[in-house]
Protein backbone atom coordinates (compact mmCIF):
# COMPACT_ATOMS: atom_id res chain seq x y z
CA UNK A 1 -149.19 173.28 -39.83
CA UNK A 2 -152.06 174.21 -37.52
CA UNK A 3 -155.01 171.88 -37.09
CA UNK A 4 -158.44 172.36 -35.64
CA UNK A 5 -159.03 170.71 -32.29
CA UNK A 6 -159.35 166.90 -32.46
CA UNK A 7 -161.52 165.18 -29.90
CA UNK A 8 -159.62 162.29 -28.22
CA UNK A 9 -161.56 159.07 -28.52
CA UNK A 10 -161.26 157.75 -24.97
CA UNK A 11 -162.60 154.31 -24.06
CA UNK A 12 -165.51 155.94 -22.22
CA UNK A 13 -166.37 158.10 -25.23
CA UNK A 14 -166.07 155.15 -27.61
CA UNK A 15 -168.41 153.11 -25.43
CA UNK A 16 -170.91 155.99 -25.51
CA UNK A 17 -170.55 156.33 -29.29
CA UNK A 18 -171.34 152.65 -29.77
CA UNK A 19 -174.17 152.80 -27.25
CA UNK A 20 -176.04 155.52 -29.13
CA UNK A 21 -175.02 154.70 -32.68
CA UNK A 22 -174.37 150.99 -33.24
CA UNK A 23 -177.26 148.91 -34.57
CA UNK A 24 -175.45 145.62 -35.02
CA UNK A 25 -177.82 142.73 -35.92
CA UNK A 26 -177.48 139.66 -33.63
CA UNK A 27 -176.13 137.52 -36.49
CA UNK A 28 -173.28 139.97 -37.07
CA UNK A 29 -172.53 140.11 -33.34
CA UNK A 30 -172.40 136.30 -33.29
CA UNK A 31 -170.03 136.24 -36.27
CA UNK A 32 -167.79 138.83 -34.63
CA UNK A 33 -167.69 136.78 -31.42
CA UNK A 34 -166.80 133.62 -33.30
CA UNK A 35 -164.07 135.43 -35.23
CA UNK A 36 -162.44 136.54 -31.99
CA UNK A 37 -161.76 132.89 -31.17
CA UNK A 38 -159.68 132.15 -34.28
CA UNK A 39 -156.07 133.04 -35.25
CA UNK A 40 -155.76 136.39 -37.03
CA UNK A 41 -158.90 137.82 -35.40
CA UNK A 42 -157.24 141.27 -35.37
CA UNK A 43 -157.99 141.45 -39.11
CA UNK A 44 -161.70 141.79 -38.30
CA UNK A 45 -163.09 145.30 -38.93
CA UNK A 46 -164.87 147.02 -36.06
CA UNK A 47 -168.69 146.91 -35.90
CA UNK A 48 -169.03 150.67 -36.26
CA UNK A 49 -166.88 150.54 -39.42
CA UNK A 50 -169.07 147.79 -40.80
CA UNK A 51 -172.19 149.81 -40.13
CA UNK A 52 -170.59 152.89 -41.70
CA UNK A 53 -169.61 150.97 -44.81
CA UNK A 54 -173.11 149.61 -45.16
CA UNK A 55 -174.54 153.11 -44.93
CA UNK A 56 -172.12 154.41 -47.59
CA UNK A 57 -173.07 151.54 -49.93
CA UNK A 58 -176.74 152.26 -49.40
CA UNK A 59 -176.27 155.99 -49.98
CA UNK A 60 -174.43 155.17 -53.22
CA UNK A 61 -177.36 153.02 -54.35
CA UNK A 62 -174.98 150.11 -54.73
CA UNK A 63 -176.22 147.01 -56.50
CA UNK A 64 -172.98 145.40 -57.71
CA UNK A 65 -170.21 145.21 -55.10
CA UNK A 66 -166.65 143.90 -54.88
CA UNK A 67 -164.62 142.84 -51.88
CA UNK A 68 -160.90 142.10 -51.98
CA UNK A 69 -160.04 140.24 -48.78
CA UNK A 70 -163.01 138.64 -47.03
CA UNK A 71 -161.64 136.81 -43.94
CA UNK A 72 -164.72 135.50 -42.05
CA UNK A 73 -167.22 137.56 -44.02
CA UNK A 74 -168.21 140.29 -41.50
CA UNK A 75 -167.57 143.24 -43.83
CA UNK A 76 -169.31 141.62 -46.78
CA UNK A 77 -172.36 140.80 -44.69
CA UNK A 78 -172.42 144.27 -43.11
CA UNK A 79 -172.63 145.80 -46.57
CA UNK A 80 -175.09 143.36 -48.08
CA UNK A 81 -177.53 143.59 -45.17
CA UNK A 82 -177.75 147.33 -45.81
CA UNK A 83 -178.72 146.83 -49.46
CA UNK A 84 -181.80 145.71 -51.36
CA UNK A 85 -182.54 142.16 -52.45
CA UNK A 86 -181.25 142.85 -55.95
CA UNK A 87 -177.73 143.61 -54.68
CA UNK A 88 -174.91 141.17 -55.42
CA UNK A 89 -171.30 140.97 -54.29
CA UNK A 90 -168.17 139.23 -55.56
CA UNK A 91 -165.70 138.40 -52.77
CA UNK A 92 -162.02 137.57 -53.44
CA UNK A 93 -159.97 135.56 -50.93
CA UNK A 94 -157.35 132.84 -50.67
CA UNK A 95 -158.25 131.10 -47.42
CA UNK A 96 -160.82 128.28 -47.60
CA UNK A 97 -160.83 127.85 -43.83
CA UNK A 98 -161.83 131.39 -42.78
CA UNK A 99 -164.16 131.82 -45.75
CA UNK A 100 -165.98 128.61 -44.73
CA UNK A 101 -167.08 130.58 -41.65
CA UNK A 102 -168.13 133.41 -43.95
CA UNK A 103 -170.20 131.05 -46.14
CA UNK A 104 -171.98 129.62 -43.09
CA UNK A 105 -173.10 133.05 -41.86
CA UNK A 106 -174.00 134.26 -45.37
CA UNK A 107 -176.27 131.23 -45.74
CA UNK A 108 -177.92 131.92 -42.39
CA UNK A 109 -178.55 135.52 -43.51
CA UNK A 110 -180.11 134.34 -46.77
CA UNK A 111 -177.15 135.70 -48.79
CA UNK A 112 -175.77 132.40 -50.06
CA UNK A 113 -176.88 133.03 -53.61
CA UNK A 114 -176.16 136.75 -53.54
CA UNK A 115 -172.50 136.66 -52.48
CA UNK A 116 -170.16 135.00 -54.97
CA UNK A 117 -166.94 133.88 -53.28
CA UNK A 118 -164.00 133.40 -55.63
CA UNK A 119 -161.05 131.63 -54.02
CA UNK A 120 -157.71 132.45 -55.62
CA UNK A 121 -155.38 135.41 -56.10
CA UNK A 122 -157.51 138.56 -56.09
CA UNK A 123 -155.48 140.17 -58.88
CA UNK A 124 -156.28 137.24 -61.16
CA UNK A 125 -160.00 137.46 -60.32
CA UNK A 126 -160.07 141.23 -61.00
CA UNK A 127 -158.14 140.75 -64.25
CA UNK A 128 -160.66 138.13 -65.37
CA UNK A 129 -163.55 140.49 -64.60
CA UNK A 130 -161.95 143.24 -66.68
CA UNK A 131 -161.28 140.80 -69.54
CA UNK A 132 -164.91 139.67 -69.41
CA UNK A 133 -166.09 143.21 -69.97
CA UNK A 134 -167.04 144.18 -66.41
CA UNK A 135 -165.26 147.54 -66.43
CA UNK A 136 -167.46 150.31 -65.09
CA UNK A 137 -170.13 147.89 -63.91
CA UNK A 138 -169.59 147.93 -60.14
CA UNK A 139 -170.91 150.50 -57.69
CA UNK A 140 -168.85 149.75 -54.59
CA UNK A 141 -165.52 148.09 -53.77
CA UNK A 142 -163.75 147.40 -50.47
CA UNK A 143 -160.01 146.58 -50.36
CA UNK A 144 -158.77 144.82 -47.25
CA UNK A 145 -156.19 142.22 -48.31
CA UNK A 146 -152.40 141.90 -48.59
CA UNK A 147 -150.91 145.35 -48.36
CA UNK A 148 -148.30 144.74 -51.05
CA UNK A 149 -151.13 144.30 -53.52
CA UNK A 150 -153.08 147.41 -52.55
CA UNK A 151 -151.79 149.64 -55.34
CA UNK A 152 -152.64 147.10 -58.04
CA UNK A 153 -156.02 146.33 -56.48
CA UNK A 154 -156.81 150.05 -56.40
CA UNK A 155 -156.07 150.46 -60.11
CA UNK A 156 -158.12 147.41 -61.01
CA UNK A 157 -161.03 148.54 -58.86
CA UNK A 158 -160.82 151.99 -60.38
CA UNK A 159 -161.34 150.37 -63.77
CA UNK A 160 -164.17 148.13 -62.59
CA UNK A 161 -166.14 150.73 -60.62
CA UNK A 162 -168.42 153.12 -62.48
CA UNK A 163 -168.14 156.89 -62.40
CA UNK A 164 -169.69 158.00 -59.12
CA UNK A 165 -168.97 154.63 -57.51
CA UNK A 166 -167.01 154.16 -54.29
CA UNK A 167 -163.72 152.43 -53.48
CA UNK A 168 -163.00 151.92 -49.77
CA UNK A 169 -159.52 151.02 -48.60
CA UNK A 170 -158.87 149.65 -45.08
CA UNK A 171 -155.79 149.87 -42.77
CA UNK A 172 -154.55 153.11 -44.30
CA UNK A 173 -153.23 154.36 -40.93
CA UNK A 174 -151.60 150.98 -39.99
CA UNK A 175 -151.75 151.52 -36.29
CA UNK A 176 -150.47 155.08 -36.66
CA UNK A 177 -147.07 153.86 -38.01
CA UNK A 178 -147.50 155.61 -41.38
CA UNK A 179 -146.98 158.95 -39.56
CA UNK A 180 -143.61 157.81 -38.12
CA UNK A 181 -141.08 158.63 -40.81
CA UNK A 182 -138.51 156.43 -39.06
CA UNK A 183 -140.59 153.35 -39.81
CA UNK A 184 -139.86 151.57 -43.08
CA UNK A 185 -141.42 148.14 -42.70
CA UNK A 186 -142.68 146.79 -46.07
CA UNK A 187 -146.36 147.24 -45.14
CA UNK A 188 -145.77 150.76 -43.80
CA UNK A 189 -143.95 151.85 -46.94
CA UNK A 190 -146.53 150.51 -49.38
CA UNK A 191 -149.44 152.02 -47.47
CA UNK A 192 -147.63 155.37 -47.11
CA UNK A 193 -146.91 155.35 -50.85
CA UNK A 194 -150.53 154.53 -51.69
CA UNK A 195 -151.82 157.28 -49.37
CA UNK A 196 -149.59 159.79 -51.14
CA UNK A 197 -150.70 158.52 -54.56
CA UNK A 198 -154.37 158.85 -53.70
CA UNK A 199 -153.87 162.33 -52.31
CA UNK A 200 -152.63 163.42 -55.72
CA UNK A 201 -155.01 161.31 -57.81
CA UNK A 202 -157.39 163.62 -59.66
CA UNK A 203 -159.43 160.67 -60.89
CA UNK A 204 -161.20 160.48 -57.56
CA UNK A 205 -162.75 162.57 -54.79
CA UNK A 206 -161.10 161.61 -51.53
CA UNK A 207 -161.47 161.43 -47.76
CA UNK A 208 -159.46 159.52 -45.16
CA UNK A 209 -161.07 158.83 -41.81
CA UNK A 210 -159.65 157.70 -38.48
CA UNK A 211 -162.15 154.92 -38.05
CA UNK A 212 -160.87 151.45 -37.17
CA UNK A 213 -157.31 151.26 -38.48
CA UNK A 214 -157.95 154.08 -40.95
CA UNK A 215 -160.40 154.02 -43.84
CA UNK A 216 -159.98 155.84 -47.17
CA UNK A 217 -163.08 156.63 -49.22
CA UNK A 218 -162.44 157.35 -52.92
CA UNK A 219 -165.28 158.34 -55.26
CA UNK A 220 -164.51 157.80 -58.91
CA UNK A 221 -165.06 160.95 -60.93
């Protein structure tokens, strides 16, 4: 299959891109720097991805948001800072240590009452939301948690997000390993299967971007 020319993102070009595009608030930069000092810092999304997600949420007019996998709170704060004061977010995570960092920065940003952190298995939290009648009430969802749960989280978010709402899924390129058919690690296989499923899913409009570790944008029809 022939492809149009793809511009290589060299370090020099990436530096230029960030120089003329990134508008990272100082608080987010501080959070990103602190995150680099803790174990698992590679799970942190890039600042340009955070800015892009915030722009998408704002373009969608998001007021009710979901996040599955919060880590130190950078992605949640990136999105919420882009939205109006009436916006609210529910964050799902298991780790009280990393989310304590998130809470601290959310409080400093004045988001302490607007971001609802729910510690526990994300699938249980999403199931409870559905049981409580929240289906179709969310405008925006971001999935960035355990890869084995991605397919279930996607289906639950598809139920919870309204028609016209957005579901973003992180790590869909998994360091490029999804394109290597010789690789069959558990994470690679589940992400590859989900990518194929979404490609065929007529319930959504779809685009996959090579930003960060790969980001899928699905708009519920």
